[in-house]
Amino acid sequence: MSKNRTKVSSSSKRSGRQKRESMAMMMVFWGVIIILAALGIVARGGKTAEAKFEIRLEDVVRDAPYVAVHEMTASTVAQIEFFPKDGPQPQIAISESFYDFGGIGATEVARHDFAIANQGDAPLTIHRAYTTCGCTTAEFSALVIPPGKMAIMTLVLDAGFHDARGQTVRRGVIIESNDPNNPQIEIWSQAKVRNE
């Protein structure tokens, strides 16, 4: 009889331990979700480069076009040469930081233009730009933007690059520039890929 109790007791201990481990894993999971949500809220509530400005074709710089692709290397912000602090500075401004394509076909290539303006007093240089996924590229009309001018960045999302049917995908472009107040900004897009 005592042997059975020992077996039940060991089994109960294992079951209790498994429940505690499962509960701990759930707590970690939800903790990460809460932290990520809080970071998203903080990022939205913090300083942003998104601004309202007039987009005029005569202000668009089209010099030395560049295509940003997916990279998995670390940030290079520490390598950017900024202007002296007491002198004129560039100031990056973007027409929007998020665009929702809505529903797109499973093999569709979707495009959207974003304006990147320099509202500062010194030339804005895009030091580096890269996308968060191989299915996304970003075509820049220029990498150096004089004060009062802008470049156009066309974000291209190729839904057929991966089999993403029935999924909502979120893809971004990270831009590193010589704006000392916003040396790294993110522009995001989203699309719901249909099952067709």
N, C-alpha and C. Protein backbone atom coordinates (compact mmCIF):
# COMPACT_ATOMS: atom_id res chain seq x y z
N MET A 1 0.82 -1.18 0.00
CA MET A 1 0.00 0.00 0.00
C MET A 1 0.86 1.24 0.00
N SER A 2 1.92 1.23 0.79
CA SER A 2 2.79 2.40 0.82
C SER A 2 3.50 2.59 -0.51
N LYS A 3 3.76 1.49 -1.24
CA LYS A 3 4.37 1.61 -2.56
C LYS A 3 3.46 2.36 -3.51
N ASN A 4 2.18 2.06 -3.48
CA ASN A 4 1.22 2.76 -4.33
C ASN A 4 1.18 4.25 -3.99
N ARG A 5 1.21 4.55 -2.73
CA ARG A 5 1.21 5.96 -2.33
C ARG A 5 2.44 6.67 -2.87
N THR A 6 3.58 5.99 -2.81
CA THR A 6 4.81 6.58 -3.32
C THR A 6 4.68 6.85 -4.80
N LYS A 7 4.12 5.86 -5.52
CA LYS A 7 3.94 6.05 -6.95
C LYS A 7 3.00 7.21 -7.24
N VAL A 8 1.89 7.26 -6.53
CA VAL A 8 0.93 8.34 -6.71
C VAL A 8 1.59 9.66 -6.34
N SER A 9 2.32 9.64 -5.25
CA SER A 9 2.98 10.84 -4.79
C SER A 9 4.01 11.33 -5.82
N SER A 10 4.82 10.44 -6.39
CA SER A 10 5.80 10.82 -7.42
C SER A 10 5.10 11.35 -8.65
N SER A 11 4.02 10.65 -9.03
CA SER A 11 3.25 11.09 -10.19
C SER A 11 2.65 12.47 -9.93
N SER A 12 2.12 12.65 -8.73
CA SER A 12 1.55 13.95 -8.39
C SER A 12 2.61 15.03 -8.38
N LYS A 13 3.79 14.69 -7.87
CA LYS A 13 4.89 15.66 -7.86
C LYS A 13 5.26 16.05 -9.28
N ARG A 14 5.39 15.04 -10.18
CA ARG A 14 5.71 15.34 -11.58
C ARG A 14 4.62 16.18 -12.22
N SER A 15 3.38 15.82 -11.99
CA SER A 15 2.26 16.56 -12.55
C SER A 15 2.24 18.00 -12.03
N GLY A 16 2.49 18.16 -10.74
CA GLY A 16 2.53 19.49 -10.14
C GLY A 16 3.68 20.31 -10.70
N ARG A 17 4.84 19.66 -10.85
CA ARG A 17 6.02 20.34 -11.40
C ARG A 17 5.75 20.74 -12.84
N GLN A 18 5.15 19.87 -13.64
CA GLN A 18 4.82 20.19 -15.02
C GLN A 18 3.85 21.35 -15.10
N LYS A 19 2.86 21.36 -14.20
CA LYS A 19 1.90 22.46 -14.18
C LYS A 19 2.59 23.77 -13.84
N ARG A 20 3.49 23.73 -12.82
CA ARG A 20 4.22 24.94 -12.44
C ARG A 20 5.11 25.43 -13.58
N GLU A 21 5.79 24.49 -14.26
CA GLU A 21 6.65 24.87 -15.40
C GLU A 21 5.81 25.45 -16.54
N SER A 22 4.68 24.82 -16.80
CA SER A 22 3.78 25.32 -17.84
C SER A 22 3.27 26.71 -17.49
N MET A 23 2.90 26.90 -16.22
CA MET A 23 2.42 28.20 -15.76
C MET A 23 3.53 29.25 -15.87
N ALA A 24 4.74 28.88 -15.51
CA ALA A 24 5.88 29.81 -15.60
C ALA A 24 6.13 30.20 -17.05
N MET A 25 6.06 29.23 -17.95
CA MET A 25 6.26 29.53 -19.38
C MET A 25 5.17 30.46 -19.89
N MET A 26 3.92 30.24 -19.46
CA MET A 26 2.82 31.12 -19.86
C MET A 26 3.06 32.54 -19.33
N MET A 27 3.54 32.65 -18.10
CA MET A 27 3.80 33.96 -17.52
C MET A 27 4.91 34.68 -18.30
N VAL A 28 5.95 33.94 -18.67
CA VAL A 28 7.03 34.53 -19.48
C VAL A 28 6.47 34.98 -20.82
N PHE A 29 5.68 34.12 -21.47
CA PHE A 29 5.10 34.45 -22.76
C PHE A 29 4.29 35.74 -22.68
N TRP A 30 3.37 35.81 -21.71
CA TRP A 30 2.53 37.01 -21.59
C TRP A 30 3.34 38.22 -21.15
N GLY A 31 4.37 37.98 -20.35
CA GLY A 31 5.25 39.08 -19.97
C GLY A 31 5.93 39.69 -21.18
N VAL A 32 6.42 38.84 -22.08
CA VAL A 32 7.06 39.33 -23.31
C VAL A 32 6.04 40.08 -24.16
N ILE A 33 4.83 39.55 -24.29
CA ILE A 33 3.78 40.22 -25.06
C ILE A 33 3.49 41.60 -24.48
N ILE A 34 3.37 41.68 -23.15
CA ILE A 34 3.08 42.96 -22.50
C ILE A 34 4.23 43.94 -22.72
N ILE A 35 5.47 43.47 -22.61
CA ILE A 35 6.63 44.35 -22.83
C ILE A 35 6.65 44.85 -24.26
N LEU A 36 6.43 43.96 -25.22
CA LEU A 36 6.42 44.38 -26.62
C LEU A 36 5.30 45.38 -26.88
N ALA A 37 4.14 45.15 -26.30
CA ALA A 37 3.03 46.09 -26.46
C ALA A 37 3.39 47.43 -25.85
N ALA A 38 4.02 47.41 -24.68
CA ALA A 38 4.41 48.66 -24.03
C ALA A 38 5.43 49.40 -24.86
N LEU A 39 6.40 48.68 -25.43
CA LEU A 39 7.39 49.32 -26.29
C LEU A 39 6.72 49.96 -27.49
N GLY A 40 5.74 49.29 -28.06
CA GLY A 40 5.01 49.86 -29.19
C GLY A 40 4.30 51.13 -28.80
N ILE A 41 3.71 51.13 -27.62
CA ILE A 41 3.00 52.32 -27.13
C ILE A 41 4.00 53.43 -26.89
N VAL A 42 5.13 53.10 -26.26
CA VAL A 42 6.15 54.13 -26.00
C VAL A 42 6.68 54.69 -27.31
N ALA A 43 6.94 53.82 -28.28
CA ALA A 43 7.47 54.28 -29.57
C ALA A 43 6.47 55.20 -30.25
N ARG A 44 5.18 54.85 -30.21
CA ARG A 44 4.18 55.70 -30.84
C ARG A 44 4.04 57.03 -30.11
N GLY A 45 4.20 56.98 -28.78
CA GLY A 45 4.04 58.19 -27.99
C GLY A 45 5.28 59.05 -27.95
N GLY A 46 6.42 58.52 -28.35
CA GLY A 46 7.67 59.26 -28.29
C GLY A 46 7.88 60.12 -29.52
N LYS A 47 9.12 60.59 -29.67
CA LYS A 47 9.48 61.44 -30.80
C LYS A 47 9.38 60.66 -32.10
N THR A 48 8.85 61.27 -33.11
CA THR A 48 8.71 60.62 -34.40
C THR A 48 9.17 61.55 -35.51
N ALA A 49 9.56 60.98 -36.62
CA ALA A 49 9.98 61.79 -37.76
C ALA A 49 8.81 62.05 -38.70
N GLU A 50 7.64 61.47 -38.40
CA GLU A 50 6.47 61.68 -39.25
C GLU A 50 6.00 63.13 -39.11
N ALA A 51 5.75 63.77 -40.24
CA ALA A 51 5.34 65.18 -40.23
C ALA A 51 4.46 65.47 -41.43
N LYS A 52 3.64 66.48 -41.29
CA LYS A 52 2.82 66.93 -42.42
C LYS A 52 3.60 67.99 -43.17
N PHE A 53 3.74 67.80 -44.47
CA PHE A 53 4.40 68.80 -45.30
C PHE A 53 3.89 68.65 -46.72
N GLU A 54 4.03 69.72 -47.47
CA GLU A 54 3.57 69.73 -48.85
C GLU A 54 4.57 68.98 -49.73
N ILE A 55 4.05 68.09 -50.55
CA ILE A 55 4.92 67.34 -51.47
C ILE A 55 4.79 67.99 -52.85
N ARG A 56 5.88 68.62 -53.28
CA ARG A 56 5.89 69.29 -54.58
C ARG A 56 6.95 68.63 -55.45
N LEU A 57 6.58 68.30 -56.68
CA LEU A 57 7.49 67.60 -57.58
C LEU A 57 8.80 68.36 -57.79
N GLU A 58 8.74 69.69 -57.80
CA GLU A 58 9.96 70.47 -58.02
C GLU A 58 10.94 70.37 -56.85
N ASP A 59 10.48 69.87 -55.70
CA ASP A 59 11.35 69.71 -54.53
C ASP A 59 11.96 68.31 -54.42
N VAL A 60 11.56 67.41 -55.32
CA VAL A 60 12.05 66.03 -55.25
C VAL A 60 13.42 65.92 -55.91
N VAL A 61 14.37 65.38 -55.15
CA VAL A 61 15.73 65.17 -55.64
C VAL A 61 15.79 63.80 -56.30
N ARG A 62 16.32 63.78 -57.52
CA ARG A 62 16.49 62.52 -58.26
C ARG A 62 17.94 62.43 -58.70
N ASP A 63 18.79 61.98 -57.77
CA ASP A 63 20.22 61.91 -58.03
C ASP A 63 20.77 60.66 -57.37
N ALA A 64 21.47 59.85 -58.12
CA ALA A 64 22.08 58.62 -57.61
C ALA A 64 21.06 57.74 -56.90
N PRO A 65 20.08 57.19 -57.63
CA PRO A 65 19.07 56.32 -57.01
C PRO A 65 19.72 55.12 -56.30
N TYR A 66 19.00 54.60 -55.34
CA TYR A 66 19.52 53.53 -54.51
C TYR A 66 18.38 52.56 -54.18
N VAL A 67 18.68 51.27 -54.14
CA VAL A 67 17.68 50.26 -53.76
C VAL A 67 18.14 49.56 -52.49
N ALA A 68 17.34 49.68 -51.45
CA ALA A 68 17.63 49.01 -50.17
C ALA A 68 17.02 47.62 -50.20
N VAL A 69 17.78 46.65 -49.70
CA VAL A 69 17.33 45.26 -49.64
C VAL A 69 17.46 44.75 -48.21
N HIS A 70 17.05 43.52 -48.01
CA HIS A 70 17.10 42.90 -46.67
C HIS A 70 18.55 42.65 -46.25
N GLU A 71 18.87 43.08 -45.06
CA GLU A 71 20.19 42.83 -44.46
C GLU A 71 19.99 42.38 -43.03
N MET A 72 20.95 41.62 -42.53
CA MET A 72 20.85 41.16 -41.14
C MET A 72 22.09 41.57 -40.35
N THR A 73 22.67 42.71 -40.71
CA THR A 73 23.84 43.18 -39.98
C THR A 73 23.41 44.21 -38.94
N ALA A 74 24.29 44.46 -37.99
CA ALA A 74 23.98 45.39 -36.91
C ALA A 74 23.90 46.83 -37.40
N SER A 75 23.32 47.66 -36.58
CA SER A 75 23.19 49.09 -36.88
C SER A 75 24.56 49.71 -37.10
N THR A 76 24.62 50.69 -38.00
CA THR A 76 25.87 51.41 -38.26
C THR A 76 25.78 52.87 -37.82
N VAL A 77 24.80 53.19 -36.99
CA VAL A 77 24.61 54.58 -36.54
C VAL A 77 25.88 55.13 -35.90
N ALA A 78 26.61 54.30 -35.16
CA ALA A 78 27.84 54.76 -34.49
C ALA A 78 28.90 55.22 -35.49
N GLN A 79 28.81 54.81 -36.74
CA GLN A 79 29.79 55.18 -37.75
C GLN A 79 29.42 56.43 -38.55
N ILE A 80 28.25 56.98 -38.32
CA ILE A 80 27.78 58.14 -39.08
C ILE A 80 28.54 59.39 -38.64
N GLU A 81 28.97 60.18 -39.61
CA GLU A 81 29.62 61.46 -39.31
C GLU A 81 28.55 62.54 -39.26
N PHE A 82 28.34 63.07 -38.07
CA PHE A 82 27.36 64.13 -37.87
C PHE A 82 28.05 65.49 -38.02
N PHE A 83 27.24 66.52 -38.29
CA PHE A 83 27.77 67.88 -38.34
C PHE A 83 28.09 68.34 -36.91
N PRO A 84 29.00 69.35 -36.75
CA PRO A 84 29.29 69.86 -35.41
C PRO A 84 28.00 70.34 -34.73
N LYS A 85 27.88 70.06 -33.43
CA LYS A 85 26.65 70.35 -32.69
C LYS A 85 26.23 71.81 -32.72
N ASP A 86 27.19 72.73 -32.80
CA ASP A 86 26.85 74.15 -32.75
C ASP A 86 26.54 74.74 -34.12
N GLY A 87 26.55 73.92 -35.17
CA GLY A 87 26.28 74.40 -36.52
C GLY A 87 24.93 73.94 -37.05
N PRO A 88 24.65 74.25 -38.32
CA PRO A 88 23.40 73.82 -38.94
C PRO A 88 23.27 72.28 -38.92
N GLN A 89 22.04 71.81 -38.81
CA GLN A 89 21.78 70.37 -38.73
C GLN A 89 20.70 69.96 -39.73
N PRO A 90 20.76 68.74 -40.25
CA PRO A 90 19.65 68.21 -41.05
C PRO A 90 18.53 67.78 -40.12
N GLN A 91 17.34 67.71 -40.66
CA GLN A 91 16.19 67.22 -39.88
C GLN A 91 15.31 66.39 -40.80
N ILE A 92 15.28 65.09 -40.56
CA ILE A 92 14.50 64.18 -41.40
C ILE A 92 13.01 64.27 -41.04
N ALA A 93 12.17 64.22 -42.04
CA ALA A 93 10.72 64.18 -41.86
C ALA A 93 10.17 63.22 -42.90
N ILE A 94 9.23 62.39 -42.50
CA ILE A 94 8.64 61.44 -43.44
C ILE A 94 7.14 61.70 -43.54
N SER A 95 6.61 61.46 -44.73
CA SER A 95 5.19 61.73 -44.97
C SER A 95 4.28 60.84 -44.13
N GLU A 96 4.71 59.62 -43.87
CA GLU A 96 3.96 58.69 -43.02
C GLU A 96 4.90 57.58 -42.59
N SER A 97 4.64 57.04 -41.40
CA SER A 97 5.51 55.98 -40.88
C SER A 97 4.88 54.60 -41.02
N PHE A 98 3.62 54.54 -41.49
CA PHE A 98 2.94 53.26 -41.64
C PHE A 98 1.94 53.36 -42.78
N TYR A 99 1.89 52.29 -43.60
CA TYR A 99 0.91 52.23 -44.67
C TYR A 99 0.31 50.83 -44.72
N ASP A 100 -1.01 50.76 -44.80
CA ASP A 100 -1.71 49.47 -44.89
C ASP A 100 -2.17 49.27 -46.33
N PHE A 101 -1.62 48.27 -46.99
CA PHE A 101 -2.01 47.96 -48.37
C PHE A 101 -3.40 47.36 -48.43
N GLY A 102 -3.91 46.88 -47.30
CA GLY A 102 -5.19 46.18 -47.32
C GLY A 102 -4.98 44.79 -47.87
N GLY A 103 -5.99 44.25 -48.57
CA GLY A 103 -5.88 42.92 -49.16
C GLY A 103 -5.14 42.95 -50.48
N ILE A 104 -4.19 42.02 -50.65
CA ILE A 104 -3.46 41.90 -51.92
C ILE A 104 -3.45 40.43 -52.34
N GLY A 105 -3.27 40.20 -53.63
CA GLY A 105 -3.21 38.84 -54.17
C GLY A 105 -1.96 38.11 -53.74
N ALA A 106 -2.01 36.78 -53.79
CA ALA A 106 -0.92 35.93 -53.32
C ALA A 106 0.37 36.09 -54.13
N THR A 107 0.28 36.61 -55.36
CA THR A 107 1.48 36.83 -56.18
C THR A 107 1.63 38.29 -56.58
N GLU A 108 0.85 39.15 -55.95
CA GLU A 108 0.85 40.57 -56.32
C GLU A 108 2.11 41.28 -55.80
N VAL A 109 2.57 42.26 -56.57
CA VAL A 109 3.66 43.14 -56.15
C VAL A 109 3.02 44.50 -55.86
N ALA A 110 3.02 44.87 -54.59
CA ALA A 110 2.38 46.12 -54.16
C ALA A 110 3.45 47.19 -53.96
N ARG A 111 3.10 48.44 -54.30
CA ARG A 111 4.03 49.57 -54.17
C ARG A 111 3.34 50.73 -53.48
N HIS A 112 4.14 51.47 -52.71
CA HIS A 112 3.63 52.70 -52.10
C HIS A 112 4.79 53.68 -51.96
N ASP A 113 4.53 54.96 -52.30
CA ASP A 113 5.54 56.00 -52.20
C ASP A 113 5.46 56.73 -50.86
N PHE A 114 6.62 56.96 -50.27
CA PHE A 114 6.77 57.76 -49.06
C PHE A 114 7.70 58.91 -49.41
N ALA A 115 7.42 60.10 -48.89
CA ALA A 115 8.32 61.23 -49.09
C ALA A 115 9.22 61.36 -47.86
N ILE A 116 10.51 61.57 -48.12
CA ILE A 116 11.48 61.79 -47.05
C ILE A 116 12.04 63.19 -47.27
N ALA A 117 11.70 64.11 -46.37
CA ALA A 117 12.07 65.51 -46.53
C ALA A 117 13.19 65.89 -45.56
N ASN A 118 13.91 66.94 -45.93
CA ASN A 118 14.92 67.52 -45.06
C ASN A 118 14.41 68.89 -44.62
N GLN A 119 13.95 68.98 -43.38
CA GLN A 119 13.44 70.24 -42.85
C GLN A 119 14.49 70.98 -42.03
N GLY A 120 15.75 70.57 -42.18
CA GLY A 120 16.84 71.21 -41.45
C GLY A 120 17.58 72.23 -42.29
N ASP A 121 18.75 72.63 -41.79
CA ASP A 121 19.56 73.66 -42.45
C ASP A 121 20.85 73.12 -43.04
N ALA A 122 21.07 71.80 -42.98
CA ALA A 122 22.26 71.17 -43.54
C ALA A 122 21.82 69.97 -44.36
N PRO A 123 22.64 69.51 -45.30
CA PRO A 123 22.25 68.36 -46.13
C PRO A 123 21.99 67.11 -45.29
N LEU A 124 20.90 66.43 -45.62
CA LEU A 124 20.54 65.16 -44.98
C LEU A 124 21.10 64.04 -45.83
N THR A 125 21.89 63.18 -45.20
CA THR A 125 22.48 62.04 -45.92
C THR A 125 21.93 60.75 -45.35
N ILE A 126 21.35 59.94 -46.22
CA ILE A 126 20.92 58.60 -45.80
C ILE A 126 22.17 57.73 -45.87
N HIS A 127 22.66 57.38 -44.71
CA HIS A 127 23.90 56.62 -44.59
C HIS A 127 23.70 55.15 -44.98
N ARG A 128 22.53 54.63 -44.59
CA ARG A 128 22.23 53.22 -44.85
C ARG A 128 20.73 53.03 -44.76
N ALA A 129 20.19 52.12 -45.56
CA ALA A 129 18.78 51.73 -45.50
C ALA A 129 18.70 50.25 -45.81
N TYR A 130 17.81 49.55 -45.11
CA TYR A 130 17.63 48.13 -45.36
C TYR A 130 16.21 47.73 -44.98
N THR A 131 15.76 46.62 -45.53
CA THR A 131 14.41 46.14 -45.26
C THR A 131 14.44 44.98 -44.28
N THR A 132 13.27 44.67 -43.71
CA THR A 132 13.19 43.63 -42.69
C THR A 132 12.96 42.23 -43.25
N CYS A 133 12.76 42.12 -44.58
CA CYS A 133 12.49 40.82 -45.18
C CYS A 133 12.92 40.84 -46.65
N GLY A 134 13.28 39.70 -47.17
CA GLY A 134 13.68 39.59 -48.56
C GLY A 134 12.56 39.87 -49.55
N CYS A 135 11.31 39.83 -49.08
CA CYS A 135 10.17 40.09 -49.96
C CYS A 135 9.95 41.59 -50.18
N THR A 136 10.74 42.40 -49.50
CA THR A 136 10.54 43.85 -49.53
C THR A 136 11.80 44.57 -49.97
N THR A 137 11.65 45.54 -50.86
CA THR A 137 12.75 46.43 -51.22
C THR A 137 12.27 47.86 -51.07
N ALA A 138 13.21 48.78 -51.06
CA ALA A 138 12.87 50.20 -50.96
C ALA A 138 13.73 50.95 -51.97
N GLU A 139 13.07 51.62 -52.92
CA GLU A 139 13.77 52.34 -53.98
C GLU A 139 13.80 53.83 -53.63
N PHE A 140 15.00 54.39 -53.45
CA PHE A 140 15.17 55.79 -53.09
C PHE A 140 15.55 56.59 -54.34
N SER A 141 14.96 57.77 -54.50
CA SER A 141 15.31 58.63 -55.64
C SER A 141 16.64 59.32 -55.41
N ALA A 142 17.09 59.43 -54.16
CA ALA A 142 18.37 60.05 -53.82
C ALA A 142 18.75 59.69 -52.39
N LEU A 143 20.05 59.78 -52.10
CA LEU A 143 20.52 59.52 -50.74
C LEU A 143 20.98 60.79 -50.03
N VAL A 144 21.23 61.85 -50.79
CA VAL A 144 21.60 63.14 -50.20
C VAL A 144 20.49 64.12 -50.53
N ILE A 145 19.91 64.71 -49.48
CA ILE A 145 18.76 65.60 -49.64
C ILE A 145 19.13 66.98 -49.09
N PRO A 146 19.22 67.99 -49.96
CA PRO A 146 19.54 69.34 -49.49
C PRO A 146 18.41 69.90 -48.61
N PRO A 147 18.71 70.94 -47.83
CA PRO A 147 17.67 71.57 -47.01
C PRO A 147 16.49 72.03 -47.87
N GLY A 148 15.27 71.76 -47.39
CA GLY A 148 14.07 72.18 -48.10
C GLY A 148 13.67 71.27 -49.24
N LYS A 149 14.42 70.21 -49.48
CA LYS A 149 14.12 69.27 -50.58
C LYS A 149 13.68 67.92 -50.00
N MET A 150 13.34 66.99 -50.89
CA MET A 150 12.90 65.67 -50.45
C MET A 150 13.28 64.60 -51.46
N ALA A 151 13.29 63.37 -51.00
CA ALA A 151 13.48 62.20 -51.86
C ALA A 151 12.20 61.38 -51.76
N ILE A 152 11.97 60.57 -52.78
CA ILE A 152 10.84 59.65 -52.77
C ILE A 152 11.37 58.24 -52.52
N MET A 153 10.78 57.55 -51.58
CA MET A 153 11.12 56.16 -51.33
C MET A 153 9.91 55.32 -51.70
N THR A 154 10.09 54.41 -52.65
CA THR A 154 9.01 53.51 -53.05
C THR A 154 9.23 52.16 -52.37
N LEU A 155 8.33 51.81 -51.48
CA LEU A 155 8.39 50.51 -50.82
C LEU A 155 7.70 49.50 -51.72
N VAL A 156 8.39 48.40 -52.00
CA VAL A 156 7.87 47.36 -52.89
C VAL A 156 7.74 46.07 -52.09
N LEU A 157 6.51 45.56 -52.00
CA LEU A 157 6.23 44.33 -51.27
C LEU A 157 5.79 43.26 -52.26
N ASP A 158 6.59 42.20 -52.39
CA ASP A 158 6.31 41.10 -53.32
C ASP A 158 5.65 39.96 -52.54
N ALA A 159 4.33 39.88 -52.63
CA ALA A 159 3.58 38.86 -51.87
C ALA A 159 3.93 37.45 -52.32
N GLY A 160 4.40 37.27 -53.54
CA GLY A 160 4.75 35.95 -54.04
C GLY A 160 6.13 35.47 -53.65
N PHE A 161 6.92 36.31 -53.00
CA PHE A 161 8.28 35.94 -52.60
C PHE A 161 8.26 34.75 -51.64
N HIS A 162 7.33 34.78 -50.68
CA HIS A 162 7.09 33.68 -49.75
C HIS A 162 5.65 33.21 -49.99
N ASP A 163 5.33 32.04 -49.53
CA ASP A 163 3.93 31.63 -49.58
C ASP A 163 3.26 32.17 -48.32
N ALA A 164 2.66 33.34 -48.44
CA ALA A 164 2.04 34.00 -47.28
C ALA A 164 0.53 34.03 -47.40
N ARG A 165 -0.04 33.15 -48.20
CA ARG A 165 -1.49 33.13 -48.41
C ARG A 165 -2.24 33.01 -47.08
N GLY A 166 -3.26 33.85 -46.95
CA GLY A 166 -4.08 33.82 -45.75
C GLY A 166 -3.45 34.49 -44.54
N GLN A 167 -2.28 35.11 -44.72
CA GLN A 167 -1.59 35.74 -43.59
C GLN A 167 -1.59 37.26 -43.73
N THR A 168 -1.48 37.93 -42.62
CA THR A 168 -1.24 39.37 -42.61
C THR A 168 0.24 39.55 -42.36
N VAL A 169 0.93 40.19 -43.30
CA VAL A 169 2.37 40.39 -43.17
C VAL A 169 2.66 41.85 -42.86
N ARG A 170 3.69 42.07 -42.08
CA ARG A 170 4.11 43.42 -41.70
C ARG A 170 5.59 43.52 -42.03
N ARG A 171 5.95 44.45 -42.90
CA ARG A 171 7.33 44.60 -43.36
C ARG A 171 7.78 46.05 -43.21
N GLY A 172 9.07 46.22 -42.94
CA GLY A 172 9.57 47.56 -42.68
C GLY A 172 10.84 47.90 -43.43
N VAL A 173 11.15 49.20 -43.37
CA VAL A 173 12.40 49.75 -43.90
C VAL A 173 13.04 50.53 -42.76
N ILE A 174 14.30 50.26 -42.50
CA ILE A 174 15.03 50.99 -41.47
C ILE A 174 15.99 51.94 -42.20
N ILE A 175 15.94 53.21 -41.81
CA ILE A 175 16.76 54.24 -42.46
C ILE A 175 17.68 54.85 -41.41
N GLU A 176 18.98 54.86 -41.70
CA GLU A 176 19.96 55.49 -40.83
C GLU A 176 20.49 56.73 -41.55
N SER A 177 20.41 57.87 -40.86
CA SER A 177 20.81 59.14 -41.50
C SER A 177 21.63 59.99 -40.54
N ASN A 178 22.07 61.14 -41.04
CA ASN A 178 22.89 62.04 -40.22
C ASN A 178 22.06 63.07 -39.47
N ASP A 179 20.77 62.81 -39.26
CA ASP A 179 19.94 63.66 -38.40
C ASP A 179 20.29 63.27 -36.96
N PRO A 180 20.92 64.16 -36.19
CA PRO A 180 21.36 63.78 -34.85
C PRO A 180 20.21 63.46 -33.89
N ASN A 181 19.03 63.99 -34.15
CA ASN A 181 17.88 63.72 -33.28
C ASN A 181 17.11 62.46 -33.67
N ASN A 182 17.25 62.03 -34.91
CA ASN A 182 16.59 60.82 -35.41
C ASN A 182 17.55 60.07 -36.33
N PRO A 183 18.65 59.53 -35.79
CA PRO A 183 19.61 58.87 -36.67
C PRO A 183 19.09 57.55 -37.26
N GLN A 184 18.06 56.99 -36.64
CA GLN A 184 17.48 55.75 -37.16
C GLN A 184 15.96 55.86 -37.07
N ILE A 185 15.29 55.71 -38.22
CA ILE A 185 13.83 55.72 -38.24
C ILE A 185 13.34 54.46 -38.93
N GLU A 186 12.10 54.12 -38.69
CA GLU A 186 11.48 52.94 -39.29
C GLU A 186 10.21 53.35 -40.01
N ILE A 187 10.00 52.77 -41.17
CA ILE A 187 8.77 52.94 -41.93
C ILE A 187 8.20 51.54 -42.14
N TRP A 188 6.92 51.36 -41.81
CA TRP A 188 6.31 50.03 -41.85
C TRP A 188 5.14 49.97 -42.81
N SER A 189 4.91 48.78 -43.32
CA SER A 189 3.75 48.52 -44.17
C SER A 189 3.12 47.21 -43.73
N GLN A 190 1.87 47.04 -44.11
CA GLN A 190 1.15 45.82 -43.76
C GLN A 190 0.25 45.44 -44.93
N ALA A 191 0.07 44.14 -45.12
CA ALA A 191 -0.84 43.67 -46.16
C ALA A 191 -1.45 42.34 -45.72
N LYS A 192 -2.71 42.16 -46.06
CA LYS A 192 -3.37 40.88 -45.82
C LYS A 192 -3.35 40.13 -47.15
N VAL A 193 -2.61 39.03 -47.18
CA VAL A 193 -2.44 38.27 -48.43
C VAL A 193 -3.62 37.31 -48.57
N ARG A 194 -4.32 37.47 -49.70
CA ARG A 194 -5.49 36.61 -49.94
C ARG A 194 -5.07 35.19 -50.30
N ASN A 195 -6.02 34.27 -50.21
CA ASN A 195 -5.77 32.85 -50.49
C ASN A 195 -5.83 32.48 -51.95
N GLU A 196 -5.97 33.42 -52.84
CA GLU A 196 -6.17 33.12 -54.27
C GLU A 196 -4.93 32.56 -54.92
